Amino acid sequence: MAGTMSELAGKRALVTGGSRGIGAAIALALAEKGADVAITYERSADRAAEVVRAIQDKGRKAVAVQADSADPAAVKRSVEDAARTLGGLDILVNNAGIALYDAIADVSVEHIDTLLDVNVRSPVLASQAAIPHLHAGGRIISIGSAGAERIVGDTGTVYFMTKSALHSFTRGLARELGSRDITVNLVQPGSTDTDMNPANGESAEFQRSLMPLGRYGEPQDVAAAVAFLASPAARHITGTILTVDGGLNT
């Protein structure tokens, strides 16, 4: 067990959108395995501070950086701030994302732009800013959605389109960085019990009915997949999509 607890010892990680839900669980899971962790948050300063304290309670260094993922300058600055505070960067987790649901007949240009800015442009820019800091053994892990491969419902088209863009981004960047021994992978959560999609929400029973396992995932389920991909055990895995969805896409 001690080996597992220290397999990321000496590593420095940035988790975007890490103040709550899946992002907070990822930050804590990486810290549990020995990494120092920076998180970004947009408005949830109190919750970001709670995550920082929880990481510090594990004996790891932690910092919260305020950044709006829709702002290109803020995305770049947050990566630089994290690298400077932690003394470098080994792991980037592109977790920040938003979900807006509109039928194509009704969707506004503003909603389209917001989804593209946060869910597509932000991971690209954060990765671009992180690349100069990453060395051999570095990791870039993005958080997508199982809905990129199986559309459920009839109003999430643009949202799921932004998440499917992470497929080609992940595969292309894996090719680009492979010669430097940096891996790039994508984790796709299905229905996961968070503020955005609570397990007791109005559509929860419908979502459960679609999954062979018949239950919502927990944020820790997604975090475990990310922690694995960040670990030395995943050194030969790159350009891969790992779906954590209770069998939704089966």
C-alpha atoms as a PDB file:
ATOM      1  CA  MET A   1       0.000   0.000   0.000  1.00  0.00           C
ATOM      2  CA  ALA A   2       2.857   2.382   0.780  1.00  0.00           C
ATOM      3  CA  GLY A   3       4.016   2.185  -2.820  1.00  0.00           C
ATOM      4  CA  THR A   4       0.577   3.196  -4.048  1.00  0.00           C
ATOM      5  CA  MET A   5       0.509   6.126  -1.645  1.00  0.00           C
ATOM      6  CA  SER A   6       3.791   7.457  -2.995  1.00  0.00           C
ATOM      7  CA  GLU A   7       3.653   6.607  -6.697  1.00  0.00           C
ATOM      8  CA  LEU A   8       3.211  10.289  -7.594  1.00  0.00           C
ATOM      9  CA  ALA A   9       5.668  11.558  -4.974  1.00  0.00           C
ATOM     10  CA  GLY A  10       7.548  14.589  -6.283  1.00  0.00           C
ATOM     11  CA  LYS A  11       5.015  15.200  -9.078  1.00  0.00           C
ATOM     12  CA  ARG A  12       3.285  18.555  -9.527  1.00  0.00           C
ATOM     13  CA  ALA A  13      -0.274  18.599 -10.892  1.00  0.00           C
ATOM     14  CA  LEU A  14      -2.756  21.226 -12.048  1.00  0.00           C
ATOM     15  CA  VAL A  15      -6.465  20.354 -12.080  1.00  0.00           C
ATOM     16  CA  THR A  16      -8.628  22.961 -13.783  1.00  0.00           C
ATOM     17  CA  GLY A  17     -12.082  23.453 -12.277  1.00  0.00           C
ATOM     18  CA  GLY A  18     -10.956  21.698  -9.124  1.00  0.00           C
ATOM     19  CA  SER A  19     -13.088  23.341  -6.441  1.00  0.00           C
ATOM     20  CA  ARG A  20     -15.971  20.863  -6.473  1.00  0.00           C
ATOM     21  CA  GLY A  21     -17.398  17.667  -7.918  1.00  0.00           C
ATOM     22  CA  ILE A  22     -15.212  15.569 -10.164  1.00  0.00           C
ATOM     23  CA  GLY A  23     -12.395  18.136 -10.207  1.00  0.00           C
ATOM     24  CA  ALA A  24     -12.099  18.216  -6.419  1.00  0.00           C
ATOM     25  CA  ALA A  25     -12.110  14.411  -6.280  1.00  0.00           C
ATOM     26  CA  ILE A  26      -9.332  14.287  -8.883  1.00  0.00           C
ATOM     27  CA  ALA A  27      -7.225  16.816  -6.981  1.00  0.00           C
ATOM     28  CA  LEU A  28      -7.581  14.817  -3.761  1.00  0.00           C
ATOM     29  CA  ALA A  29      -6.854  11.494  -5.475  1.00  0.00           C
ATOM     30  CA  LEU A  30      -3.615  12.854  -6.955  1.00  0.00           C
ATOM     31  CA  ALA A  31      -2.606  14.248  -3.575  1.00  0.00           C
ATOM     32  CA  GLU A  32      -3.416  10.902  -1.952  1.00  0.00           C
ATOM     33  CA  LYS A  33      -0.820   9.329  -4.255  1.00  0.00           C
ATOM     34  CA  GLY A  34       1.795  11.898  -3.306  1.00  0.00           C
ATOM     35  CA  ALA A  35       1.452  14.778  -5.780  1.00  0.00           C
ATOM     36  CA  ASP A  36       1.471  18.479  -4.960  1.00  0.00           C
ATOM     37  CA  VAL A  37      -1.658  19.960  -6.533  1.00  0.00           C
ATOM     38  CA  ALA A  38      -2.839  23.316  -7.867  1.00  0.00           C
ATOM     39  CA  ILE A  39      -6.482  23.842  -8.766  1.00  0.00           C
ATOM     40  CA  THR A  40      -8.281  26.569 -10.647  1.00  0.00           C
ATOM     41  CA  TYR A  41     -11.705  27.881  -9.758  1.00  0.00           C
ATOM     42  CA  GLU A  42     -13.939  30.567 -11.209  1.00  0.00           C
ATOM     43  CA  ARG A  43     -16.259  31.700  -8.408  1.00  0.00           C
ATOM     44  CA  SER A  44     -16.225  29.033  -5.667  1.00  0.00           C
ATOM     45  CA  ALA A  45     -13.444  30.573  -3.545  1.00  0.00           C
ATOM     46  CA  ASP A  46     -14.661  29.028  -0.282  1.00  0.00           C
ATOM     47  CA  ARG A  47     -14.913  25.550  -1.761  1.00  0.00           C
ATOM     48  CA  ALA A  48     -11.526  25.942  -3.439  1.00  0.00           C
ATOM     49  CA  ALA A  49     -10.050  26.816  -0.047  1.00  0.00           C
ATOM     50  CA  GLU A  50     -11.609  23.652   1.424  1.00  0.00           C
ATOM     51  CA  VAL A  51      -9.962  21.525  -1.271  1.00  0.00           C
ATOM     52  CA  VAL A  52      -6.615  23.221  -0.610  1.00  0.00           C
ATOM     53  CA  ARG A  53      -6.924  22.457   3.104  1.00  0.00           C
ATOM     54  CA  ALA A  54      -7.836  18.838   2.401  1.00  0.00           C
ATOM     55  CA  ILE A  55      -4.759  18.441   0.183  1.00  0.00           C
ATOM     56  CA  GLN A  56      -2.555  20.065   2.811  1.00  0.00           C
ATOM     57  CA  ASP A  57      -4.000  17.703   5.419  1.00  0.00           C
ATOM     58  CA  LYS A  58      -2.522  14.894   3.324  1.00  0.00           C
ATOM     59  CA  GLY A  59       0.895  16.515   3.732  1.00  0.00           C
ATOM     60  CA  ARG A  60       1.029  17.863   0.183  1.00  0.00           C
ATOM     61  CA  LYS A  61       1.534  21.372  -1.158  1.00  0.00           C
ATOM     62  CA  ALA A  62      -1.616  22.972  -2.569  1.00  0.00           C
ATOM     63  CA  VAL A  63      -2.702  26.236  -4.156  1.00  0.00           C
ATOM     64  CA  ALA A  64      -5.946  27.587  -5.632  1.00  0.00           C
ATOM     65  CA  VAL A  65      -5.749  29.933  -8.614  1.00  0.00           C
ATOM     66  CA  GLN A  66      -8.753  32.011  -9.648  1.00  0.00           C
ATOM     67  CA  ALA A  67      -9.266  31.766 -13.417  1.00  0.00           C
ATOM     68  CA  ASP A  68     -12.199  31.962 -15.806  1.00  0.00           C
ATOM     69  CA  SER A  69     -11.717  29.142 -18.298  1.00  0.00           C
ATOM     70  CA  ALA A  70     -13.542  31.204 -20.943  1.00  0.00           C
ATOM     71  CA  ASP A  71     -10.754  33.822 -20.786  1.00  0.00           C
ATOM     72  CA  PRO A  72      -7.669  32.851 -22.846  1.00  0.00           C
ATOM     73  CA  ALA A  73      -5.320  35.085 -20.856  1.00  0.00           C
ATOM     74  CA  ALA A  74      -6.587  33.693 -17.554  1.00  0.00           C
ATOM     75  CA  VAL A  75      -6.077  30.108 -18.746  1.00  0.00           C
ATOM     76  CA  LYS A  76      -2.463  30.789 -19.699  1.00  0.00           C
ATOM     77  CA  ARG A  77      -1.783  32.739 -16.501  1.00  0.00           C
ATOM     78  CA  SER A  78      -3.238  29.968 -14.325  1.00  0.00           C
ATOM     79  CA  VAL A  79      -0.838  27.399 -15.778  1.00  0.00           C
ATOM     80  CA  GLU A  80       2.130  29.724 -15.261  1.00  0.00           C
ATOM     81  CA  ASP A  81       1.013  30.521 -11.701  1.00  0.00           C
ATOM     82  CA  ALA A  82       0.632  26.836 -10.878  1.00  0.00           C
ATOM     83  CA  ALA A  83       4.034  25.929 -12.298  1.00  0.00           C
ATOM     84  CA  ARG A  84       5.716  28.787 -10.457  1.00  0.00           C
ATOM     85  CA  THR A  85       4.061  28.025  -7.117  1.00  0.00           C
ATOM     86  CA  LEU A  86       4.654  24.273  -7.283  1.00  0.00           C
ATOM     87  CA  GLY A  87       8.161  24.586  -8.723  1.00  0.00           C
ATOM     88  CA  GLY A  88       7.248  22.936 -12.024  1.00  0.00           C
ATOM     89  CA  LEU A  89       4.498  20.908 -13.639  1.00  0.00           C
ATOM     90  CA  ASP A  90       4.246  17.209 -14.450  1.00  0.00           C
ATOM     91  CA  ILE A  91       0.497  16.559 -14.766  1.00  0.00           C
ATOM     92  CA  LEU A  92      -2.235  18.681 -16.339  1.00  0.00           C
ATOM     93  CA  VAL A  93      -5.862  17.637 -15.900  1.00  0.00           C
ATOM     94  CA  ASN A  94      -8.204  19.583 -18.177  1.00  0.00           C
ATOM     95  CA  ASN A  95     -11.326  19.164 -16.071  1.00  0.00           C
ATOM     96  CA  ALA A  96     -13.057  22.568 -16.202  1.00  0.00           C
ATOM     97  CA  GLY A  97     -16.193  22.403 -18.305  1.00  0.00           C
ATOM     98  CA  ILE A  98     -19.741  23.642 -18.563  1.00  0.00           C
ATOM     99  CA  ALA A  99     -22.967  22.066 -19.732  1.00  0.00           C
ATOM    100  CA  LEU A 100     -25.660  24.102 -21.463  1.00  0.00           C
ATOM    101  CA  TYR A 101     -28.640  22.354 -23.030  1.00  0.00           C
ATOM    102  CA  ASP A 102     -30.598  23.809 -25.934  1.00  0.00           C
ATOM    103  CA  ALA A 103     -32.231  22.353 -29.015  1.00  0.00           C
ATOM    104  CA  ILE A 104     -30.359  23.360 -32.168  1.00  0.00           C
ATOM    105  CA  ALA A 105     -33.485  25.199 -33.304  1.00  0.00           C
ATOM    106  CA  ASP A 106     -33.223  27.435 -30.238  1.00  0.00           C
ATOM    107  CA  VAL A 107     -29.544  27.646 -29.290  1.00  0.00           C
ATOM    108  CA  SER A 108     -28.054  31.136 -29.165  1.00  0.00           C
ATOM    109  CA  VAL A 109     -24.704  32.178 -30.574  1.00  0.00           C
ATOM    110  CA  GLU A 110     -23.729  33.146 -27.030  1.00  0.00           C
ATOM    111  CA  HIS A 111     -24.339  29.609 -25.755  1.00  0.00           C
ATOM    112  CA  ILE A 112     -22.426  28.082 -28.671  1.00  0.00           C
ATOM    113  CA  ASP A 113     -19.473  30.383 -28.078  1.00  0.00           C
ATOM    114  CA  THR A 114     -19.455  29.791 -24.318  1.00  0.00           C
ATOM    115  CA  LEU A 115     -19.453  26.011 -24.752  1.00  0.00           C
ATOM    116  CA  LEU A 116     -16.668  26.146 -27.330  1.00  0.00           C
ATOM    117  CA  ASP A 117     -14.603  28.597 -25.270  1.00  0.00           C
ATOM    118  CA  VAL A 118     -14.677  26.562 -22.055  1.00  0.00           C
ATOM    119  CA  ASN A 119     -14.941  22.963 -23.277  1.00  0.00           C
ATOM    120  CA  VAL A 120     -12.682  23.111 -26.356  1.00  0.00           C
ATOM    121  CA  ARG A 121     -10.498  26.212 -26.462  1.00  0.00           C
ATOM    122  CA  SER A 122      -9.571  26.113 -22.774  1.00  0.00           C
ATOM    123  CA  PRO A 123      -8.088  22.558 -22.843  1.00  0.00           C
ATOM    124  CA  VAL A 124      -6.132  23.476 -25.972  1.00  0.00           C
ATOM    125  CA  LEU A 125      -4.720  26.660 -24.434  1.00  0.00           C
ATOM    126  CA  ALA A 126      -3.996  25.081 -21.049  1.00  0.00           C
ATOM    127  CA  SER A 127      -2.147  22.236 -22.754  1.00  0.00           C
ATOM    128  CA  GLN A 128      -0.238  24.690 -24.938  1.00  0.00           C
ATOM    129  CA  ALA A 129       0.850  26.614 -21.826  1.00  0.00           C
ATOM    130  CA  ALA A 130       1.780  23.410 -19.963  1.00  0.00           C
ATOM    131  CA  ILE A 131       3.875  21.807 -22.702  1.00  0.00           C
ATOM    132  CA  PRO A 132       7.039  23.875 -22.067  1.00  0.00           C
ATOM    133  CA  HIS A 133       6.955  22.796 -18.402  1.00  0.00           C
ATOM    134  CA  LEU A 134       6.424  19.068 -19.011  1.00  0.00           C
ATOM    135  CA  HIS A 135       9.303  16.606 -19.147  1.00  0.00           C
ATOM    136  CA  ALA A 136       9.592  12.881 -19.894  1.00  0.00           C
ATOM    137  CA  GLY A 137       6.870  11.064 -17.973  1.00  0.00           C
ATOM    138  CA  GLY A 138       4.563  14.084 -18.171  1.00  0.00           C
ATOM    139  CA  ARG A 139       0.811  13.637 -18.405  1.00  0.00           C
ATOM    140  CA  ILE A 140      -2.055  15.535 -20.005  1.00  0.00           C
ATOM    141  CA  ILE A 141      -5.477  14.127 -19.127  1.00  0.00           C
ATOM    142  CA  SER A 142      -8.731  15.692 -20.261  1.00  0.00           C
ATOM    143  CA  ILE A 143     -12.221  15.071 -18.920  1.00  0.00           C
ATOM    144  CA  GLY A 144     -14.838  14.536 -21.609  1.00  0.00           C
ATOM    145  CA  SER A 145     -18.294  12.971 -21.500  1.00  0.00           C
ATOM    146  CA  ALA A 146     -19.726   9.572 -22.344  1.00  0.00           C
ATOM    147  CA  GLY A 147     -22.349  11.590 -24.231  1.00  0.00           C
ATOM    148  CA  ALA A 148     -19.731  12.286 -26.890  1.00  0.00           C
ATOM    149  CA  GLU A 149     -20.304   8.719 -28.074  1.00  0.00           C
ATOM    150  CA  ARG A 150     -23.922   8.125 -27.148  1.00  0.00           C
ATOM    151  CA  ILE A 151     -26.337  11.028 -27.300  1.00  0.00           C
ATOM    152  CA  VAL A 152     -28.965  10.771 -24.574  1.00  0.00           C
ATOM    153  CA  GLY A 153     -31.851  13.215 -24.652  1.00  0.00           C
ATOM    154  CA  ASP A 154     -32.562  15.721 -27.382  1.00  0.00           C
ATOM    155  CA  THR A 155     -31.134  19.056 -26.194  1.00  0.00           C
ATOM    156  CA  GLY A 156     -27.429  18.417 -25.582  1.00  0.00           C
ATOM    157  CA  THR A 157     -26.184  18.421 -29.154  1.00  0.00           C
ATOM    158  CA  VAL A 158     -23.757  21.340 -28.977  1.00  0.00           C
ATOM    159  CA  TYR A 159     -22.494  20.311 -25.528  1.00  0.00           C
ATOM    160  CA  PHE A 160     -21.780  16.775 -26.704  1.00  0.00           C
ATOM    161  CA  MET A 161     -20.183  18.139 -29.870  1.00  0.00           C
ATOM    162  CA  THR A 162     -17.666  20.047 -27.728  1.00  0.00           C
ATOM    163  CA  LYS A 163     -16.869  16.903 -25.775  1.00  0.00           C
ATOM    164  CA  SER A 164     -16.374  14.847 -28.946  1.00  0.00           C
ATOM    165  CA  ALA A 165     -13.804  17.431 -30.079  1.00  0.00           C
ATOM    166  CA  LEU A 166     -11.609  16.144 -27.246  1.00  0.00           C
ATOM    167  CA  HIS A 167     -11.281  12.809 -29.073  1.00  0.00           C
ATOM    168  CA  SER A 168      -9.255  14.223 -31.945  1.00  0.00           C
ATOM    169  CA  PHE A 169      -7.468  16.681 -29.657  1.00  0.00           C
ATOM    170  CA  THR A 170      -6.314  13.824 -27.425  1.00  0.00           C
ATOM    171  CA  ARG A 171      -5.197  11.599 -30.294  1.00  0.00           C
ATOM    172  CA  GLY A 172      -3.441  14.395 -32.157  1.00  0.00           C
ATOM    173  CA  LEU A 173      -1.613  15.715 -29.106  1.00  0.00           C
ATOM    174  CA  ALA A 174      -0.594  12.174 -28.148  1.00  0.00           C
ATOM    175  CA  ARG A 175       1.113  11.923 -31.549  1.00  0.00           C
ATOM    176  CA  GLU A 176       2.687  15.332 -31.121  1.00  0.00           C
ATOM    177  CA  LEU A 177       4.164  14.667 -27.675  1.00  0.00           C
ATOM    178  CA  GLY A 178       4.932  10.957 -27.885  1.00  0.00           C
ATOM    179  CA  SER A 179       8.568  11.460 -28.854  1.00  0.00           C
ATOM    180  CA  ARG A 180       9.022  13.400 -25.604  1.00  0.00           C
ATOM    181  CA  ASP A 181       7.561  10.528 -23.545  1.00  0.00           C
ATOM    182  CA  ILE A 182       4.531  12.616 -22.555  1.00  0.00           C
ATOM    183  CA  THR A 183       1.205  10.797 -22.615  1.00  0.00           C
ATOM    184  CA  VAL A 184      -2.162  12.344 -23.481  1.00  0.00           C
ATOM    185  CA  ASN A 185      -5.423  10.620 -22.595  1.00  0.00           C
ATOM    186  CA  LEU A 186      -9.144  11.296 -22.216  1.00  0.00           C
ATOM    187  CA  VAL A 187     -11.493  10.153 -19.441  1.00  0.00           C
ATOM    188  CA  GLN A 188     -15.225  10.182 -20.237  1.00  0.00           C
ATOM    189  CA  PRO A 189     -17.559  10.146 -17.237  1.00  0.00           C
ATOM    190  CA  GLY A 190     -21.129   9.033 -17.582  1.00  0.00           C
ATOM    191  CA  SER A 191     -23.831  10.010 -15.092  1.00  0.00           C
ATOM    192  CA  THR A 192     -21.904  11.043 -11.988  1.00  0.00           C
ATOM    193  CA  ASP A 193     -23.400  12.303  -8.738  1.00  0.00           C
ATOM    194  CA  THR A 194     -22.399  15.978  -8.623  1.00  0.00           C
ATOM    195  CA  ASP A 195     -24.062  19.374  -8.244  1.00  0.00           C
ATOM    196  CA  MET A 196     -24.459  19.468 -12.034  1.00  0.00           C
ATOM    197  CA  ASN A 197     -26.224  16.100 -12.242  1.00  0.00           C
ATOM    198  CA  PRO A 198     -27.365  14.862  -8.812  1.00  0.00           C
ATOM    199  CA  ALA A 199     -28.298  11.206  -8.360  1.00  0.00           C
ATOM    200  CA  ASN A 200     -31.687  12.369  -7.034  1.00  0.00           C
ATOM    201  CA  GLY A 201     -32.344  14.804  -9.893  1.00  0.00           C
ATOM    202  CA  GLU A 202     -35.469  14.825 -12.040  1.00  0.00           C
ATOM    203  CA  SER A 203     -33.928  12.732 -14.844  1.00  0.00           C
ATOM    204  CA  ALA A 204     -31.894  10.449 -12.580  1.00  0.00           C
ATOM    205  CA  GLU A 205     -34.140   7.385 -12.880  1.00  0.00           C
ATOM    206  CA  PHE A 206     -34.069   7.649 -16.669  1.00  0.00           C
ATOM    207  CA  GLN A 207     -30.282   7.897 -16.655  1.00  0.00           C
ATOM    208  CA  ARG A 208     -29.954   4.899 -14.326  1.00  0.00           C
ATOM    209  CA  SER A 209     -32.201   2.873 -16.635  1.00  0.00           C
ATOM    210  CA  LEU A 210     -29.674   3.261 -19.453  1.00  0.00           C
ATOM    211  CA  MET A 211     -26.755   1.749 -17.514  1.00  0.00           C
ATOM    212  CA  PRO A 212     -26.150  -1.974 -17.058  1.00  0.00           C
ATOM    213  CA  LEU A 213     -24.802  -1.263 -13.562  1.00  0.00           C
ATOM    214  CA  GLY A 214     -27.971   0.691 -12.809  1.00  0.00           C
ATOM    215  CA  ARG A 215     -26.329   3.299 -10.615  1.00  0.00           C
ATOM    216  CA  TYR A 216     -24.733   6.705 -10.808  1.00  0.00           C
ATOM    217  CA  GLY A 217     -20.986   6.949 -10.577  1.00  0.00           C
ATOM    218  CA  GLU A 218     -19.299   8.839  -7.766  1.00  0.00           C
ATOM    219  CA  PRO A 219     -16.695  11.567  -8.429  1.00  0.00           C
ATOM    220  CA  GLN A 220     -14.131   9.198  -6.889  1.00  0.00           C
ATOM    221  CA  ASP A 221     -14.776   6.682  -9.680  1.00  0.00           C
ATOM    222  CA  VAL A 222     -13.633   9.209 -12.270  1.00  0.00           C
ATOM    223  CA  ALA A 223     -10.772  10.364 -10.053  1.00  0.00           C
ATOM    224  CA  ALA A 224      -9.483   6.790  -9.773  1.00  0.00           C
ATOM    225  CA  ALA A 225      -9.269   6.533 -13.560  1.00  0.00           C
ATOM    226  CA  VAL A 226      -7.379   9.829 -13.766  1.00  0.00           C
ATOM    227  CA  ALA A 227      -5.001   8.811 -10.975  1.00  0.00           C
ATOM    228  CA  PHE A 228      -4.256   5.578 -12.820  1.00  0.00           C
ATOM    229  CA  LEU A 229      -3.507   7.390 -16.080  1.00  0.00           C
ATOM    230  CA  ALA A 230      -1.247   9.792 -14.161  1.00  0.00           C
ATOM    231  CA  SER A 231       0.667   6.929 -12.557  1.00  0.00           C
ATOM    232  CA  PRO A 232       3.786   5.090 -13.767  1.00  0.00           C
ATOM    233  CA  ALA A 233       1.580   2.018 -14.368  1.00  0.00           C
ATOM    234  CA  ALA A 234       0.015   3.847 -17.357  1.00  0.00           C
ATOM    235  CA  ARG A 235       3.314   4.818 -18.999  1.00  0.00           C
ATOM    236  CA  HIS A 236       2.506   2.893 -22.207  1.00  0.00           C
ATOM    237  CA  ILE A 237      -1.035   4.252 -22.583  1.00  0.00           C
ATOM    238  CA  THR A 238      -1.506   7.323 -24.758  1.00  0.00           C
ATOM    239  CA  GLY A 239      -4.105   8.616 -27.195  1.00  0.00           C
ATOM    240  CA  THR A 240      -6.669   6.473 -25.379  1.00  0.00           C
ATOM    241  CA  ILE A 241     -10.238   7.119 -24.284  1.00  0.00           C
ATOM    242  CA  LEU A 242     -11.195   5.589 -20.917  1.00  0.00           C
ATOM    243  CA  THR A 243     -14.959   5.685 -20.367  1.00  0.00           C
ATOM    244  CA  VAL A 244     -16.302   5.535 -16.794  1.00  0.00           C
ATOM    245  CA  ASP A 245     -20.036   5.337 -17.363  1.00  0.00           C
ATOM    246  CA  GLY A 246     -21.504   2.248 -15.696  1.00  0.00           C
ATOM    247  CA  GLY A 247     -21.821   0.639 -19.121  1.00  0.00           C
ATOM    248  CA  LEU A 248     -23.941   3.368 -20.743  1.00  0.00           C
ATOM    249  CA  ASN A 249     -22.063   3.039 -24.036  1.00  0.00           C
ATOM    250  CA  THR A 250     -22.123  -0.759 -24.036  1.00  0.00           C
END
